[in-house]
C-alpha atoms as a PDB file:
ATOM      1  CA  MET A   1      36.715  66.910 135.804  1.00  0.00           C
ATOM      2  CA  THR A   2      37.262  64.263 138.447  1.00  0.00           C
ATOM      3  CA  THR A   3      33.750  62.855 137.933  1.00  0.00           C
ATOM      4  CA  THR A   4      34.210  62.749 134.194  1.00  0.00           C
ATOM      5  CA  SER A   5      37.573  61.075 134.541  1.00  0.00           C
ATOM      6  CA  SER A   6      36.254  58.414 136.924  1.00  0.00           C
ATOM      7  CA  PHE A   7      33.306  57.796 134.599  1.00  0.00           C
ATOM      8  CA  GLY A   8      35.674  57.301 131.716  1.00  0.00           C
ATOM      9  CA  GLU A   9      37.790  54.897 133.749  1.00  0.00           C
ATOM     10  CA  ASN A  10      34.684  52.948 134.788  1.00  0.00           C
ATOM     11  CA  ALA A  11      33.486  52.801 131.199  1.00  0.00           C
ATOM     12  CA  LEU A  12      36.915  51.575 130.137  1.00  0.00           C
ATOM     13  CA  VAL A  13      36.836  48.896 132.850  1.00  0.00           C
ATOM     14  CA  LEU A  14      33.354  47.788 131.799  1.00  0.00           C
ATOM     15  CA  THR A  15      34.403  47.682 128.158  1.00  0.00           C
ATOM     16  CA  GLU A  16      37.438  45.576 128.957  1.00  0.00           C
ATOM     17  CA  ASN A  17      35.390  43.257 131.201  1.00  0.00           C
ATOM     18  CA  GLN A  18      32.804  42.647 128.499  1.00  0.00           C
ATOM     19  CA  VAL A  19      33.610  39.531 126.549  1.00  0.00           C
ATOM     20  CA  ASP A  20      32.407  39.122 123.007  1.00  0.00           C
ATOM     21  CA  PRO A  21      30.333  35.941 122.702  1.00  0.00           C
ATOM     22  CA  ASP A  22      32.099  35.146 119.431  1.00  0.00           C
ATOM     23  CA  GLN A  23      35.450  35.171 121.235  1.00  0.00           C
ATOM     24  CA  LYS A  24      34.294  32.481 123.638  1.00  0.00           C
ATOM     25  CA  ALA A  25      33.783  30.110 120.707  1.00  0.00           C
ATOM     26  CA  ALA A  26      37.363  30.559 119.511  1.00  0.00           C
ATOM     27  CA  PRO A  27      38.386  26.916 120.051  1.00  0.00           C
ATOM     28  CA  THR A  28      35.446  25.703 117.880  1.00  0.00           C
ATOM     29  CA  PRO A  29      37.069  26.410 114.478  1.00  0.00           C
ATOM     30  CA  ARG A  30      39.940  24.110 115.406  1.00  0.00           C
ATOM     31  CA  ARG A  31      37.552  21.197 115.611  1.00  0.00           C
ATOM     32  CA  GLY A  32      36.098  22.251 112.283  1.00  0.00           C
ATOM     33  CA  VAL A  33      39.577  22.376 110.759  1.00  0.00           C
ATOM     34  CA  LYS A  34      40.338  18.891 112.037  1.00  0.00           C
ATOM     35  CA  ARG A  35      37.057  17.584 110.673  1.00  0.00           C
ATOM     36  CA  LYS A  36      37.732  19.216 107.325  1.00  0.00           C
ATOM     37  CA  THR A  37      41.230  17.753 107.269  1.00  0.00           C
ATOM     38  CA  TRP A  38      39.896  14.242 107.805  1.00  0.00           C
ATOM     39  CA  GLN A  39      37.355  14.742 105.040  1.00  0.00           C
ATOM     40  CA  THR A  40      40.102  15.904 102.714  1.00  0.00           C
ATOM     41  CA  VAL A  41      42.210  12.861 103.523  1.00  0.00           C
ATOM     42  CA  ILE A  42      39.285  10.521 102.900  1.00  0.00           C
ATOM     43  CA  TRP A  43      38.433  12.156  99.588  1.00  0.00           C
ATOM     44  CA  PHE A  44      42.087  12.057  98.575  1.00  0.00           C
ATOM     45  CA  VAL A  45      42.303   8.334  99.298  1.00  0.00           C
ATOM     46  CA  VAL A  46      39.066   7.638  97.411  1.00  0.00           C
ATOM     47  CA  LEU A  47      40.168   9.654  94.375  1.00  0.00           C
ATOM     48  CA  LEU A  48      43.583   8.011  94.460  1.00  0.00           C
ATOM     49  CA  ALA A  49      41.943   4.571  94.441  1.00  0.00           C
ATOM     50  CA  ILE A  50      39.672   5.527  91.520  1.00  0.00           C
ATOM     51  CA  THR A  51      42.655   6.916  89.609  1.00  0.00           C
ATOM     52  CA  ALA A  52      44.579   3.694  90.180  1.00  0.00           C
ATOM     53  CA  ILE A  53      41.649   1.642  88.893  1.00  0.00           C
ATOM     54  CA  VAL A  54      41.284   3.815  85.788  1.00  0.00           C
ATOM     55  CA  LEU A  55      45.004   3.886  84.999  1.00  0.00           C
ATOM     56  CA  TYR A  56      45.689   0.220  85.754  1.00  0.00           C
ATOM     57  CA  PRO A  57      44.902  -1.000  82.180  1.00  0.00           C
ATOM     58  CA  LEU A  58      47.318   1.565  80.759  1.00  0.00           C
ATOM     59  CA  VAL A  59      50.033   0.609  83.247  1.00  0.00           C
ATOM     60  CA  TRP A  60      49.459  -3.084  82.524  1.00  0.00           C
ATOM     61  CA  LEU A  61      49.732  -2.375  78.797  1.00  0.00           C
ATOM     62  CA  LEU A  62      53.041  -0.590  79.342  1.00  0.00           C
ATOM     63  CA  PHE A  63      54.601  -3.451  81.299  1.00  0.00           C
ATOM     64  CA  ALA A  64      53.102  -6.061  78.962  1.00  0.00           C
ATOM     65  CA  THR A  65      55.101  -4.618  76.082  1.00  0.00           C
ATOM     66  CA  PHE A  66      58.211  -6.073  77.743  1.00  0.00           C
ATOM     67  CA  LYS A  67      56.779  -9.584  78.106  1.00  0.00           C
ATOM     68  CA  PRO A  68      57.839 -12.344  75.693  1.00  0.00           C
ATOM     69  CA  ASN A  69      55.119 -14.285  73.902  1.00  0.00           C
ATOM     70  CA  SER A  70      55.619 -17.288  76.174  1.00  0.00           C
ATOM     71  CA  GLU A  71      54.376 -15.324  79.210  1.00  0.00           C
ATOM     72  CA  PHE A  72      51.052 -14.291  77.696  1.00  0.00           C
ATOM     73  CA  GLY A  73      48.355 -16.534  79.129  1.00  0.00           C
ATOM     74  CA  GLN A  74      50.670 -17.765  81.899  1.00  0.00           C
ATOM     75  CA  ASN A  75      52.028 -14.725  83.684  1.00  0.00           C
ATOM     76  CA  MET A  76      48.947 -12.670  84.545  1.00  0.00           C
ATOM     77  CA  GLY A  77      50.858 -10.399  86.905  1.00  0.00           C
ATOM     78  CA  LEU A  78      51.768  -6.806  86.257  1.00  0.00           C
ATOM     79  CA  LEU A  79      55.556  -7.190  85.962  1.00  0.00           C
ATOM     80  CA  PRO A  80      57.182  -9.421  83.330  1.00  0.00           C
ATOM     81  CA  ALA A  81      59.247 -12.360  84.600  1.00  0.00           C
ATOM     82  CA  ASN A  82      61.787 -12.105  81.758  1.00  0.00           C
ATOM     83  CA  PRO A  83      61.743  -8.540  80.396  1.00  0.00           C
ATOM     84  CA  THR A  84      62.680  -8.087  76.757  1.00  0.00           C
ATOM     85  CA  ILE A  85      62.628  -5.355  74.107  1.00  0.00           C
ATOM     86  CA  ASP A  86      62.165  -7.739  71.194  1.00  0.00           C
ATOM     87  CA  ASN A  87      58.553  -6.637  70.847  1.00  0.00           C
ATOM     88  CA  TYR A  88      59.586  -3.046  70.096  1.00  0.00           C
ATOM     89  CA  ILE A  89      62.205  -4.278  67.634  1.00  0.00           C
ATOM     90  CA  LYS A  90      59.540  -6.234  65.748  1.00  0.00           C
ATOM     91  CA  VAL A  91      57.231  -3.214  65.713  1.00  0.00           C
ATOM     92  CA  LEU A  92      59.930  -0.896  64.379  1.00  0.00           C
ATOM     93  CA  GLU A  93      60.747  -3.370  61.609  1.00  0.00           C
ATOM     94  CA  GLY A  94      57.137  -3.220  60.430  1.00  0.00           C
ATOM     95  CA  ILE A  95      54.904  -5.938  59.053  1.00  0.00           C
ATOM     96  CA  ALA A  96      53.768  -7.210  55.647  1.00  0.00           C
ATOM     97  CA  GLY A  97      56.740  -5.446  54.085  1.00  0.00           C
ATOM     98  CA  VAL A  98      55.567  -2.031  55.315  1.00  0.00           C
ATOM     99  CA  PRO A  99      57.610  -0.114  57.930  1.00  0.00           C
ATOM    100  CA  MET A 100      55.909   1.172  61.046  1.00  0.00           C
ATOM    101  CA  TRP A 101      56.503   4.809  60.166  1.00  0.00           C
ATOM    102  CA  ARG A 102      54.348   4.335  57.073  1.00  0.00           C
ATOM    103  CA  PHE A 103      51.347   3.407  59.194  1.00  0.00           C
ATOM    104  CA  TYR A 104      52.026   6.454  61.350  1.00  0.00           C
ATOM    105  CA  VAL A 105      52.099   8.732  58.318  1.00  0.00           C
ATOM    106  CA  ASN A 106      48.829   7.303  57.009  1.00  0.00           C
ATOM    107  CA  SER A 107      47.140   7.834  60.369  1.00  0.00           C
ATOM    108  CA  LEU A 108      48.453  11.401  60.561  1.00  0.00           C
ATOM    109  CA  ILE A 109      47.191  12.187  57.058  1.00  0.00           C
ATOM    110  CA  ILE A 110      43.721  10.914  57.905  1.00  0.00           C
ATOM    111  CA  ALA A 111      43.596  12.528  61.360  1.00  0.00           C
ATOM    112  CA  VAL A 112      44.981  15.933  60.360  1.00  0.00           C
ATOM    113  CA  GLY A 113      42.881  16.006  57.187  1.00  0.00           C
ATOM    114  CA  SER A 114      39.792  15.190  59.235  1.00  0.00           C
ATOM    115  CA  VAL A 115      40.544  18.004  61.673  1.00  0.00           C
ATOM    116  CA  VAL A 116      40.974  20.552  58.872  1.00  0.00           C
ATOM    117  CA  GLY A 117      37.814  19.416  57.104  1.00  0.00           C
ATOM    118  CA  VAL A 118      35.719  19.396  60.270  1.00  0.00           C
ATOM    119  CA  LEU A 119      36.837  22.866  61.348  1.00  0.00           C
ATOM    120  CA  LEU A 120      36.272  24.488  57.967  1.00  0.00           C
ATOM    121  CA  SER A 121      32.938  22.919  57.082  1.00  0.00           C
ATOM    122  CA  SER A 122      31.408  22.801  60.548  1.00  0.00           C
ATOM    123  CA  ALA A 123      32.302  26.417  61.334  1.00  0.00           C
ATOM    124  CA  LEU A 124      30.725  27.675  58.101  1.00  0.00           C
ATOM    125  CA  ALA A 125      27.608  25.570  58.546  1.00  0.00           C
ATOM    126  CA  ALA A 126      27.282  26.641  62.180  1.00  0.00           C
ATOM    127  CA  TYR A 127      27.542  30.321  61.232  1.00  0.00           C
ATOM    128  CA  ALA A 128      24.811  29.869  58.643  1.00  0.00           C
ATOM    129  CA  PHE A 129      22.473  28.195  61.137  1.00  0.00           C
ATOM    130  CA  ALA A 130      23.197  30.683  63.927  1.00  0.00           C
ATOM    131  CA  ARG A 131      23.407  34.025  62.102  1.00  0.00           C
ATOM    132  CA  ILE A 132      21.643  33.813  58.723  1.00  0.00           C
ATOM    133  CA  GLN A 133      17.871  33.793  58.497  1.00  0.00           C
ATOM    134  CA  PHE A 134      16.514  31.865  55.497  1.00  0.00           C
ATOM    135  CA  LYS A 135      13.473  29.797  54.624  1.00  0.00           C
ATOM    136  CA  GLY A 136      13.534  26.278  55.953  1.00  0.00           C
ATOM    137  CA  LEU A 137      16.114  27.062  58.624  1.00  0.00           C
ATOM    138  CA  GLY A 138      14.274  25.173  61.338  1.00  0.00           C
ATOM    139  CA  ILE A 139      13.597  22.164  59.114  1.00  0.00           C
ATOM    140  CA  LEU A 140      17.202  21.892  57.948  1.00  0.00           C
ATOM    141  CA  PHE A 141      18.554  22.287  61.477  1.00  0.00           C
ATOM    142  CA  ALA A 142      16.177  19.608  62.767  1.00  0.00           C
ATOM    143  CA  ALA A 143      17.187  17.306  59.909  1.00  0.00           C
ATOM    144  CA  MET A 144      20.849  17.844  60.759  1.00  0.00           C
ATOM    145  CA  ILE A 145      20.228  17.009  64.410  1.00  0.00           C
ATOM    146  CA  GLY A 146      18.272  13.955  63.279  1.00  0.00           C
ATOM    147  CA  THR A 147      21.368  12.561  61.587  1.00  0.00           C
ATOM    148  CA  LEU A 148      22.857  12.076  65.058  1.00  0.00           C
ATOM    149  CA  LEU A 149      20.293   9.304  65.532  1.00  0.00           C
ATOM    150  CA  LEU A 150      21.212   7.662  62.232  1.00  0.00           C
ATOM    151  CA  PRO A 151      23.714   4.820  62.697  1.00  0.00           C
ATOM    152  CA  PHE A 152      26.767   4.816  60.473  1.00  0.00           C
ATOM    153  CA  HIS A 153      26.011   1.262  59.396  1.00  0.00           C
ATOM    154  CA  VAL A 154      22.838   2.399  57.623  1.00  0.00           C
ATOM    155  CA  VAL A 155      24.731   4.471  55.043  1.00  0.00           C
ATOM    156  CA  ILE A 156      27.721   2.166  54.590  1.00  0.00           C
ATOM    157  CA  ILE A 157      26.451   0.377  51.481  1.00  0.00           C
ATOM    158  CA  PRO A 158      25.227   3.493  49.566  1.00  0.00           C
ATOM    159  CA  GLN A 159      28.449   5.360  50.319  1.00  0.00           C
ATOM    160  CA  TYR A 160      30.604   2.421  49.300  1.00  0.00           C
ATOM    161  CA  ILE A 161      28.745   2.060  45.988  1.00  0.00           C
ATOM    162  CA  ILE A 162      29.190   5.771  45.241  1.00  0.00           C
ATOM    163  CA  PHE A 163      32.932   5.788  45.940  1.00  0.00           C
ATOM    164  CA  GLN A 164      33.394   2.507  44.072  1.00  0.00           C
ATOM    165  CA  ARG A 165      31.784   3.928  40.934  1.00  0.00           C
ATOM    166  CA  LEU A 166      33.985   6.986  41.272  1.00  0.00           C
ATOM    167  CA  ASP A 167      37.031   4.661  41.442  1.00  0.00           C
ATOM    168  CA  LEU A 168      38.073   6.060  44.812  1.00  0.00           C
ATOM    169  CA  ILE A 169      38.403   2.791  46.711  1.00  0.00           C
ATOM    170  CA  ASP A 170      41.821   2.248  48.338  1.00  0.00           C
ATOM    171  CA  THR A 171      42.366   6.001  48.647  1.00  0.00           C
ATOM    172  CA  PHE A 172      41.969   8.445  51.500  1.00  0.00           C
ATOM    173  CA  VAL A 173      39.240  10.394  49.688  1.00  0.00           C
ATOM    174  CA  PRO A 174      36.264   8.388  51.093  1.00  0.00           C
ATOM    175  CA  LEU A 175      37.606   8.982  54.591  1.00  0.00           C
ATOM    176  CA  LEU A 176      38.319  12.712  54.167  1.00  0.00           C
ATOM    177  CA  LEU A 177      35.724  14.025  51.712  1.00  0.00           C
ATOM    178  CA  PRO A 178      32.724  13.749  54.098  1.00  0.00           C
ATOM    179  CA  LYS A 179      34.657  15.774  56.673  1.00  0.00           C
ATOM    180  CA  PHE A 180      34.784  18.721  54.274  1.00  0.00           C
ATOM    181  CA  LEU A 181      31.003  18.551  53.685  1.00  0.00           C
ATOM    182  CA  ALA A 182      29.884  19.199  57.282  1.00  0.00           C
ATOM    183  CA  THR A 183      28.508  15.710  57.743  1.00  0.00           C
ATOM    184  CA  GLU A 184      29.535  15.640  61.415  1.00  0.00           C
ATOM    185  CA  ALA A 185      26.356  16.975  63.047  1.00  0.00           C
ATOM    186  CA  PHE A 186      27.861  16.865  66.532  1.00  0.00           C
ATOM    187  CA  PHE A 187      30.485  19.482  65.701  1.00  0.00           C
ATOM    188  CA  VAL A 188      28.005  21.685  63.854  1.00  0.00           C
ATOM    189  CA  PHE A 189      25.608  21.598  66.786  1.00  0.00           C
ATOM    190  CA  LEU A 190      28.392  22.412  69.252  1.00  0.00           C
ATOM    191  CA  LEU A 191      29.508  25.444  67.246  1.00  0.00           C
ATOM    192  CA  VAL A 192      25.939  26.619  66.666  1.00  0.00           C
ATOM    193  CA  GLN A 193      25.276  26.699  70.401  1.00  0.00           C
ATOM    194  CA  PHE A 194      28.557  28.531  70.931  1.00  0.00           C
ATOM    195  CA  ILE A 195      27.832  31.200  68.301  1.00  0.00           C
ATOM    196  CA  ARG A 196      24.285  31.762  69.526  1.00  0.00           C
ATOM    197  CA  GLN A 197      25.638  32.882  72.904  1.00  0.00           C
ATOM    198  CA  MET A 198      27.463  35.776  71.283  1.00  0.00           C
ATOM    199  CA  PRO A 199      25.680  39.146  71.152  1.00  0.00           C
ATOM    200  CA  ARG A 200      24.554  40.299  67.720  1.00  0.00           C
ATOM    201  CA  ASP A 201      25.697  43.865  68.389  1.00  0.00           C
ATOM    202  CA  MET A 202      29.127  43.054  66.968  1.00  0.00           C
ATOM    203  CA  ASP A 203      27.591  41.730  63.759  1.00  0.00           C
ATOM    204  CA  GLU A 204      25.382  44.793  63.371  1.00  0.00           C
ATOM    205  CA  ALA A 205      28.290  47.162  63.989  1.00  0.00           C
ATOM    206  CA  ALA A 206      30.400  45.370  61.382  1.00  0.00           C
ATOM    207  CA  ARG A 207      27.490  45.364  58.919  1.00  0.00           C
ATOM    208  CA  ILE A 208      27.119  49.128  59.335  1.00  0.00           C
ATOM    209  CA  ASP A 209      30.801  49.478  58.387  1.00  0.00           C
ATOM    210  CA  GLY A 210      30.083  47.556  55.201  1.00  0.00           C
ATOM    211  CA  ALA A 211      31.214  44.059  56.192  1.00  0.00           C
ATOM    212  CA  GLY A 212      29.495  41.067  54.635  1.00  0.00           C
ATOM    213  CA  HIS A 213      28.894  37.622  56.022  1.00  0.00           C
ATOM    214  CA  MET A 214      32.336  36.290  55.098  1.00  0.00           C
ATOM    215  CA  ARG A 215      34.047  39.308  56.634  1.00  0.00           C
ATOM    216  CA  ILE A 216      32.003  38.996  59.832  1.00  0.00           C
ATOM    217  CA  PHE A 217      32.668  35.263  60.003  1.00  0.00           C
ATOM    218  CA  TRP A 218      36.409  35.559  59.407  1.00  0.00           C
ATOM    219  CA  SER A 219      37.183  38.677  61.472  1.00  0.00           C
ATOM    220  CA  ILE A 220      34.657  38.488  64.327  1.00  0.00           C
ATOM    221  CA  ILE A 221      33.071  35.075  64.804  1.00  0.00           C
ATOM    222  CA  LEU A 222      36.035  32.847  64.031  1.00  0.00           C
ATOM    223  CA  PRO A 223      38.424  34.393  66.615  1.00  0.00           C
ATOM    224  CA  LEU A 224      35.740  34.280  69.317  1.00  0.00           C
ATOM    225  CA  ILE A 225      34.894  30.600  68.858  1.00  0.00           C
ATOM    226  CA  LYS A 226      38.499  29.479  69.267  1.00  0.00           C
ATOM    227  CA  PRO A 227      37.787  27.358  72.408  1.00  0.00           C
ATOM    228  CA  ALA A 228      35.002  25.509  70.607  1.00  0.00           C
ATOM    229  CA  LEU A 229      37.189  24.988  67.544  1.00  0.00           C
ATOM    230  CA  ILE A 230      39.935  23.478  69.688  1.00  0.00           C
ATOM    231  CA  THR A 231      37.378  21.181  71.299  1.00  0.00           C
ATOM    232  CA  CYS A 232      36.177  20.046  67.881  1.00  0.00           C
ATOM    233  CA  SER A 233      39.741  19.474  66.707  1.00  0.00           C
ATOM    234  CA  ILE A 234      40.504  17.289  69.740  1.00  0.00           C
ATOM    235  CA  PHE A 235      37.456  15.087  69.215  1.00  0.00           C
ATOM    236  CA  ALA A 236      37.976  14.912  65.456  1.00  0.00           C
ATOM    237  CA  PHE A 237      41.632  13.939  65.848  1.00  0.00           C
ATOM    238  CA  ILE A 238      40.962  11.221  68.428  1.00  0.00           C
ATOM    239  CA  TRP A 239      37.991   9.766  66.567  1.00  0.00           C
ATOM    240  CA  SER A 240      39.837   9.690  63.244  1.00  0.00           C
ATOM    241  CA  TRP A 241      43.010   8.278  64.769  1.00  0.00           C
ATOM    242  CA  ASN A 242      41.059   5.428  66.416  1.00  0.00           C
ATOM    243  CA  ASP A 243      38.697   4.775  63.506  1.00  0.00           C
ATOM    244  CA  PHE A 244      38.759   1.142  62.433  1.00  0.00           C
ATOM    245  CA  LEU A 245      35.617   0.490  60.395  1.00  0.00           C
ATOM    246  CA  GLY A 246      36.088   3.247  57.806  1.00  0.00           C
ATOM    247  CA  PRO A 247      39.661   2.330  56.803  1.00  0.00           C
ATOM    248  CA  LEU A 248      38.708  -1.356  56.893  1.00  0.00           C
ATOM    249  CA  LEU A 249      36.024  -0.748  54.268  1.00  0.00           C
ATOM    250  CA  TYR A 250      37.790   1.603  51.882  1.00  0.00           C
ATOM    251  CA  LEU A 251      41.487   0.677  52.145  1.00  0.00           C
ATOM    252  CA  THR A 252      42.766  -2.584  50.685  1.00  0.00           C
ATOM    253  CA  SER A 253      46.535  -2.094  50.283  1.00  0.00           C
ATOM    254  CA  PRO A 254      48.830  -2.483  53.328  1.00  0.00           C
ATOM    255  CA  GLU A 255      50.737   0.612  52.168  1.00  0.00           C
ATOM    256  CA  ASN A 256      47.629   2.707  52.877  1.00  0.00           C
ATOM    257  CA  TYR A 257      46.695   1.145  56.206  1.00  0.00           C
ATOM    258  CA  PRO A 258      46.528   3.379  59.285  1.00  0.00           C
ATOM    259  CA  LEU A 259      47.590   2.116  62.694  1.00  0.00           C
ATOM    260  CA  PRO A 260      44.252   0.543  63.770  1.00  0.00           C
ATOM    261  CA  ILE A 261      44.248  -1.682  60.662  1.00  0.00           C
ATOM    262  CA  ALA A 262      47.953  -2.405  60.974  1.00  0.00           C
ATOM    263  CA  LEU A 263      47.409  -3.817  64.457  1.00  0.00           C
ATOM    264  CA  ARG A 264      45.197  -6.506  62.974  1.00  0.00           C
ATOM    265  CA  LEU A 265      48.044  -7.780  60.812  1.00  0.00           C
ATOM    266  CA  TYR A 266      49.933  -9.023  63.849  1.00  0.00           C
ATOM    267  CA  ASN A 267      47.110 -11.467  64.557  1.00  0.00           C
ATOM    268  CA  ASP A 268      46.019 -12.403  61.033  1.00  0.00           C
ATOM    269  CA  GLN A 269      49.308 -12.992  59.248  1.00  0.00           C
ATOM    270  CA  THR A 270      49.779 -16.560  60.601  1.00  0.00           C
ATOM    271  CA  SER A 271      47.810 -19.143  62.521  1.00  0.00           C
ATOM    272  CA  SER A 272      49.554 -18.084  65.753  1.00  0.00           C
ATOM    273  CA  SER A 273      49.217 -14.544  67.036  1.00  0.00           C
ATOM    274  CA  ASP A 274      52.182 -12.427  68.056  1.00  0.00           C
ATOM    275  CA  TYR A 275      50.741 -11.000  71.272  1.00  0.00           C
ATOM    276  CA  GLY A 276      53.939  -9.275  72.307  1.00  0.00           C
ATOM    277  CA  ALA A 277      54.203  -7.285  69.086  1.00  0.00           C
ATOM    278  CA  THR A 278      50.478  -6.568  69.150  1.00  0.00           C
ATOM    279  CA  VAL A 279      50.686  -5.101  72.649  1.00  0.00           C
ATOM    280  CA  ALA A 280      53.777  -3.069  71.792  1.00  0.00           C
ATOM    281  CA  ALA A 281      52.191  -1.727  68.610  1.00  0.00           C
ATOM    282  CA  SER A 282      49.024  -0.854  70.549  1.00  0.00           C
ATOM    283  CA  PHE A 283      51.011   1.128  73.090  1.00  0.00           C
ATOM    284  CA  VAL A 284      52.978   2.934  70.387  1.00  0.00           C
ATOM    285  CA  ALA A 285      49.745   3.791  68.592  1.00  0.00           C
ATOM    286  CA  LEU A 286      48.245   5.104  71.829  1.00  0.00           C
ATOM    287  CA  LEU A 287      51.047   7.558  72.613  1.00  0.00           C
ATOM    288  CA  PRO A 288      50.118  10.299  70.080  1.00  0.00           C
ATOM    289  CA  VAL A 289      46.505  10.377  71.258  1.00  0.00           C
ATOM    290  CA  LEU A 290      47.575  10.457  74.898  1.00  0.00           C
ATOM    291  CA  LEU A 291      50.053  13.283  74.335  1.00  0.00           C
ATOM    292  CA  PHE A 292      47.568  15.196  72.182  1.00  0.00           C
ATOM    293  CA  PHE A 293      44.946  15.008  74.916  1.00  0.00           C
ATOM    294  CA  LEU A 294      47.347  15.984  77.709  1.00  0.00           C
ATOM    295  CA  VAL A 295      48.505  19.064  75.811  1.00  0.00           C
ATOM    296  CA  PHE A 296      45.034  20.308  74.864  1.00  0.00           C
ATOM    297  CA  GLN A 297      42.922  19.072  77.785  1.00  0.00           C
ATOM    298  CA  ARG A 298      42.499  22.542  79.286  1.00  0.00           C
ATOM    299  CA  PHE A 299      41.137  23.800  75.958  1.00  0.00           C
ATOM    300  CA  LEU A 300      38.747  20.861  75.931  1.00  0.00           C
ATOM    301  CA  VAL A 301      37.302  21.914  79.280  1.00  0.00           C
ATOM    302  CA  ASP A 302      37.062  25.563  78.202  1.00  0.00           C
ATOM    303  CA  GLY A 303      35.208  24.631  75.039  1.00  0.00           C
ATOM    304  CA  VAL A 304      32.700  22.262  76.623  1.00  0.00           C
ATOM    305  CA  ALA A 305      32.039  24.271  79.803  1.00  0.00           C
ATOM    306  CA  THR A 306      31.723  27.690  78.177  1.00  0.00           C
ATOM    307  CA  GLN A 307      29.054  29.838  79.775  1.00  0.00           C
ATOM    308  CA  GLY A 308      29.081  32.733  77.306  1.00  0.00           C
ATOM    309  CA  LEU A 309      30.867  36.018  76.872  1.00  0.00           C
ATOM    310  CA  LYS A 310      31.422  38.588  79.568  1.00  0.00           C
ATOM    311  CA  GLY A 311      30.417  42.099  78.749  1.00  0.00           C
END
């Protein structure tokens, strides 16, 4: 018993005297932490500088709305020398006898109508390309993708002649009708790629239960492509809100002008341009798009960076 006990004590002493090689390198992680901290600080400073560069035009625009017309071209600094709110008063009063809220309403009608038309038509067309097998599918899909390479300026004259003969000039129909006909190939392609990632087992199970294409589209496909639909709605809203060429071609009455066309009136109404009112109106017109993007930006990332469904 004594021998066994002494052996155990010796083994315990040897075990305690043995030092793990990993324990000797304990101070090393501290250096790594310091190095990582410095890298984080450097990256933070770089990103902060890039953010400042990107946001500087927006900040300048905000402060420029408080500059009087006399400072434009002279005071190139960020802060106004003599701040004033007269520019916002002029914008709220409107221009060409039309109040500012009227331009806002026109832009909302065009933007919201475009979103509804794009979602309805593009989702249906995408389902047909992704889930229905018919003759000429590949040719039609290739032709649709080919329209992405076709500049808008090529079809301006034929479209204008068609809408003019239909007596639809100076209405919102030429701006909204193409949205309901799935003419936006970008949105159709985005939804097609999204639907193709979904397993067909759900479709087959629903078809066994007696569901048709419309039932499958409405009850199964449509809820699952919600991130892609939100992405399409964001792009459609921003593009329609900022569209200048389309309203310039088809709208002739100031009462029907959206905000991008209304901004031109501040520079074309007289020989001298009202830069203060133009800047203020530009900032006011930018706010809805900025707020819309900030609210739905996480959905935009989810829709674009989707990697498929998890089983």
